[in-house]
Amino acid sequence: QVQLVESGGGLVQPGGSLRLSCTASISTFLMQHMAWHRQAPGKQRELVASIRTGHITSYVDSVKGRFTISKDNAKKILYLQMTNLDAEDTTVYYCNGRIGTDEIWGQGTQVTVSS
């Protein structure tokens, strides 16, 4: 069973930075599409950033220029570098990977931006 485990969340002050990691139980090279999503209480899950074959990336408008998604296939890790964080970024972040038609999700990691 393929597993994804997020880490790196925590409490950070406005304007600060965090790097989220998502460690896979198999090579991330096998996942043609990986992404970070976030979901605040009472809201729909939002696609934040994605990376697909060829290291082609895309971002939701609200994080463009602040967040960077990347992948290290040798280490089997997906990253999300987040900078210039603000309170609206506070929520649970989920890692997602796709192999064929199968979608795999991590358990989520909490990011809290507060002074």
C-alpha atoms as a PDB file:
ATOM      1  CA  GLN A   1       0.000   0.000   0.000  1.00  0.00           C
ATOM      2  CA  VAL A   2       1.426   3.340  -1.058  1.00  0.00           C
ATOM      3  CA  GLN A   3       1.665   5.876   1.744  1.00  0.00           C
ATOM      4  CA  LEU A   4       2.355   9.601   1.897  1.00  0.00           C
ATOM      5  CA  VAL A   5       3.446  11.232   5.152  1.00  0.00           C
ATOM      6  CA  GLU A   6       3.555  15.020   5.548  1.00  0.00           C
ATOM      7  CA  SER A   7       5.808  16.893   7.941  1.00  0.00           C
ATOM      8  CA  GLY A   8       7.128  20.384   8.504  1.00  0.00           C
ATOM      9  CA  GLY A   9       3.989  22.162   9.608  1.00  0.00           C
ATOM     10  CA  GLY A  10       3.887  24.346  12.680  1.00  0.00           C
ATOM     11  CA  LEU A  11       3.470  27.842  14.039  1.00  0.00           C
ATOM     12  CA  VAL A  12       5.101  30.720  12.204  1.00  0.00           C
ATOM     13  CA  GLN A  13       4.817  34.505  12.433  1.00  0.00           C
ATOM     14  CA  PRO A  14       3.317  36.546   9.591  1.00  0.00           C
ATOM     15  CA  GLY A  15       5.951  37.097   6.927  1.00  0.00           C
ATOM     16  CA  GLY A  16       7.777  33.941   7.929  1.00  0.00           C
ATOM     17  CA  SER A  17       8.608  30.788   6.010  1.00  0.00           C
ATOM     18  CA  LEU A  18       8.041  27.072   6.304  1.00  0.00           C
ATOM     19  CA  ARG A  19       8.966  24.086   4.188  1.00  0.00           C
ATOM     20  CA  LEU A  20       6.547  21.181   4.083  1.00  0.00           C
ATOM     21  CA  SER A  21       7.748  17.719   3.158  1.00  0.00           C
ATOM     22  CA  CYS A  22       5.787  14.737   1.922  1.00  0.00           C
ATOM     23  CA  THR A  23       7.656  11.449   2.106  1.00  0.00           C
ATOM     24  CA  ALA A  24       6.402   8.632  -0.100  1.00  0.00           C
ATOM     25  CA  SER A  25       6.733   4.896   0.491  1.00  0.00           C
ATOM     26  CA  ILE A  26       7.591   4.419  -3.187  1.00  0.00           C
ATOM     27  CA  SER A  27       9.571   6.453  -5.693  1.00  0.00           C
ATOM     28  CA  THR A  28       7.889   9.758  -6.488  1.00  0.00           C
ATOM     29  CA  PHE A  29       9.088   9.242 -10.034  1.00  0.00           C
ATOM     30  CA  LEU A  30       6.224   6.767 -10.407  1.00  0.00           C
ATOM     31  CA  MET A  31       3.644   9.438  -9.612  1.00  0.00           C
ATOM     32  CA  GLN A  32       2.903  11.364 -12.774  1.00  0.00           C
ATOM     33  CA  HIS A  33       1.121  14.041 -10.766  1.00  0.00           C
ATOM     34  CA  MET A  34       1.695  15.242  -7.217  1.00  0.00           C
ATOM     35  CA  ALA A  35       0.169  18.168  -5.437  1.00  0.00           C
ATOM     36  CA  TRP A  36      -0.383  20.067  -2.228  1.00  0.00           C
ATOM     37  CA  HIS A  37      -3.912  20.905  -1.173  1.00  0.00           C
ATOM     38  CA  ARG A  38      -5.251  22.725   1.846  1.00  0.00           C
ATOM     39  CA  GLN A  39      -8.576  22.745   3.602  1.00  0.00           C
ATOM     40  CA  ALA A  40      -9.793  25.117   6.270  1.00  0.00           C
ATOM     41  CA  PRO A  41     -12.676  24.123   8.562  1.00  0.00           C
ATOM     42  CA  GLY A  42     -16.003  24.527   6.796  1.00  0.00           C
ATOM     43  CA  LYS A  43     -14.391  25.173   3.431  1.00  0.00           C
ATOM     44  CA  GLN A  44     -13.752  23.093   0.347  1.00  0.00           C
ATOM     45  CA  ARG A  45     -10.351  21.565  -0.218  1.00  0.00           C
ATOM     46  CA  GLU A  46      -8.219  23.859  -2.386  1.00  0.00           C
ATOM     47  CA  LEU A  47      -5.492  22.834  -4.801  1.00  0.00           C
ATOM     48  CA  VAL A  48      -2.494  24.970  -3.830  1.00  0.00           C
ATOM     49  CA  ALA A  49       0.277  23.713  -6.108  1.00  0.00           C
ATOM     50  CA  SER A  50       0.964  20.781  -8.376  1.00  0.00           C
ATOM     51  CA  ILE A  51       3.870  19.239 -10.222  1.00  0.00           C
ATOM     52  CA  ARG A  52       3.613  16.763 -13.034  1.00  0.00           C
ATOM     53  CA  THR A  53       5.841  14.787 -15.377  1.00  0.00           C
ATOM     54  CA  GLY A  54       8.585  17.005 -16.720  1.00  0.00           C
ATOM     55  CA  HIS A  55       8.573  19.042 -13.485  1.00  0.00           C
ATOM     56  CA  ILE A  56       5.798  21.213 -14.859  1.00  0.00           C
ATOM     57  CA  THR A  57       4.340  23.230 -11.994  1.00  0.00           C
ATOM     58  CA  SER A  58       1.203  25.242 -11.405  1.00  0.00           C
ATOM     59  CA  TYR A  59      -0.102  27.322  -8.514  1.00  0.00           C
ATOM     60  CA  VAL A  60      -3.317  28.863  -7.294  1.00  0.00           C
ATOM     61  CA  ASP A  61      -3.197  32.637  -7.775  1.00  0.00           C
ATOM     62  CA  SER A  62      -3.110  33.397  -4.046  1.00  0.00           C
ATOM     63  CA  VAL A  63       0.273  31.703  -3.571  1.00  0.00           C
ATOM     64  CA  LYS A  64       2.044  32.574  -6.828  1.00  0.00           C
ATOM     65  CA  GLY A  65       5.406  34.145  -6.102  1.00  0.00           C
ATOM     66  CA  ARG A  66       5.327  32.942  -2.487  1.00  0.00           C
ATOM     67  CA  PHE A  67       5.155  29.144  -2.653  1.00  0.00           C
ATOM     68  CA  THR A  68       7.362  26.749  -4.595  1.00  0.00           C
ATOM     69  CA  ILE A  69       6.606  23.084  -5.190  1.00  0.00           C
ATOM     70  CA  SER A  70       9.425  20.681  -5.963  1.00  0.00           C
ATOM     71  CA  LYS A  71      10.188  17.001  -5.920  1.00  0.00           C
ATOM     72  CA  ASP A  72      13.279  14.928  -5.160  1.00  0.00           C
ATOM     73  CA  ASN A  73      12.678  11.543  -6.744  1.00  0.00           C
ATOM     74  CA  ALA A  74      15.865  10.054  -5.288  1.00  0.00           C
ATOM     75  CA  LYS A  75      14.730  10.902  -1.750  1.00  0.00           C
ATOM     76  CA  LYS A  76      11.054  10.158  -2.526  1.00  0.00           C
ATOM     77  CA  ILE A  77      10.033  13.551  -1.151  1.00  0.00           C
ATOM     78  CA  LEU A  78       7.669  16.238  -2.367  1.00  0.00           C
ATOM     79  CA  TYR A  79       8.294  19.718  -0.966  1.00  0.00           C
ATOM     80  CA  LEU A  80       6.347  22.910  -0.583  1.00  0.00           C
ATOM     81  CA  GLN A  81       8.490  25.921   0.247  1.00  0.00           C
ATOM     82  CA  MET A  82       6.262  28.650   1.636  1.00  0.00           C
ATOM     83  CA  THR A  83       7.444  32.235   2.126  1.00  0.00           C
ATOM     84  CA  ASN A  84       5.837  35.504   3.174  1.00  0.00           C
ATOM     85  CA  LEU A  85       3.121  33.608   4.996  1.00  0.00           C
ATOM     86  CA  ASP A  86       0.027  35.358   6.255  1.00  0.00           C
ATOM     87  CA  ALA A  87      -2.951  34.449   8.403  1.00  0.00           C
ATOM     88  CA  GLU A  88      -4.984  33.329   5.401  1.00  0.00           C
ATOM     89  CA  ASP A  89      -2.482  30.510   4.849  1.00  0.00           C
ATOM     90  CA  THR A  90      -3.459  28.995   8.190  1.00  0.00           C
ATOM     91  CA  THR A  91      -5.005  25.583   7.648  1.00  0.00           C
ATOM     92  CA  VAL A  92      -4.218  21.888   7.181  1.00  0.00           C
ATOM     93  CA  TYR A  93      -2.063  21.040   4.177  1.00  0.00           C
ATOM     94  CA  TYR A  94      -2.397  17.680   2.421  1.00  0.00           C
ATOM     95  CA  CYS A  95      -0.063  15.903   0.054  1.00  0.00           C
ATOM     96  CA  ASN A  96      -1.547  14.045  -2.904  1.00  0.00           C
ATOM     97  CA  GLY A  97      -0.099  11.703  -5.490  1.00  0.00           C
ATOM     98  CA  ARG A  98      -1.540  10.013  -8.530  1.00  0.00           C
ATOM     99  CA  ILE A  99      -0.493   6.690 -10.023  1.00  0.00           C
ATOM    100  CA  GLY A 100      -2.589   5.815 -13.025  1.00  0.00           C
ATOM    101  CA  THR A 101      -6.141   6.335 -11.815  1.00  0.00           C
ATOM    102  CA  ASP A 102      -5.327   5.847  -8.144  1.00  0.00           C
ATOM    103  CA  GLU A 103      -5.221   8.881  -5.850  1.00  0.00           C
ATOM    104  CA  ILE A 104      -3.171   8.692  -2.662  1.00  0.00           C
ATOM    105  CA  TRP A 105      -3.502  11.188   0.197  1.00  0.00           C
ATOM    106  CA  GLY A 106      -1.464  11.946   3.262  1.00  0.00           C
ATOM    107  CA  GLN A 107      -2.905  12.610   6.688  1.00  0.00           C
ATOM    108  CA  GLY A 108      -2.223  16.353   6.614  1.00  0.00           C
ATOM    109  CA  THR A 109      -0.027  18.771   8.510  1.00  0.00           C
ATOM    110  CA  GLN A 110      -1.208  21.900  10.301  1.00  0.00           C
ATOM    111  CA  VAL A 111       0.214  25.298   9.395  1.00  0.00           C
ATOM    112  CA  THR A 112      -0.626  28.195  11.691  1.00  0.00           C
ATOM    113  CA  VAL A 113       0.405  31.748  10.895  1.00  0.00           C
ATOM    114  CA  SER A 114       0.048  33.986  13.913  1.00  0.00           C
ATOM    115  CA  SER A 115       1.920  36.570  15.919  1.00  0.00           C
END
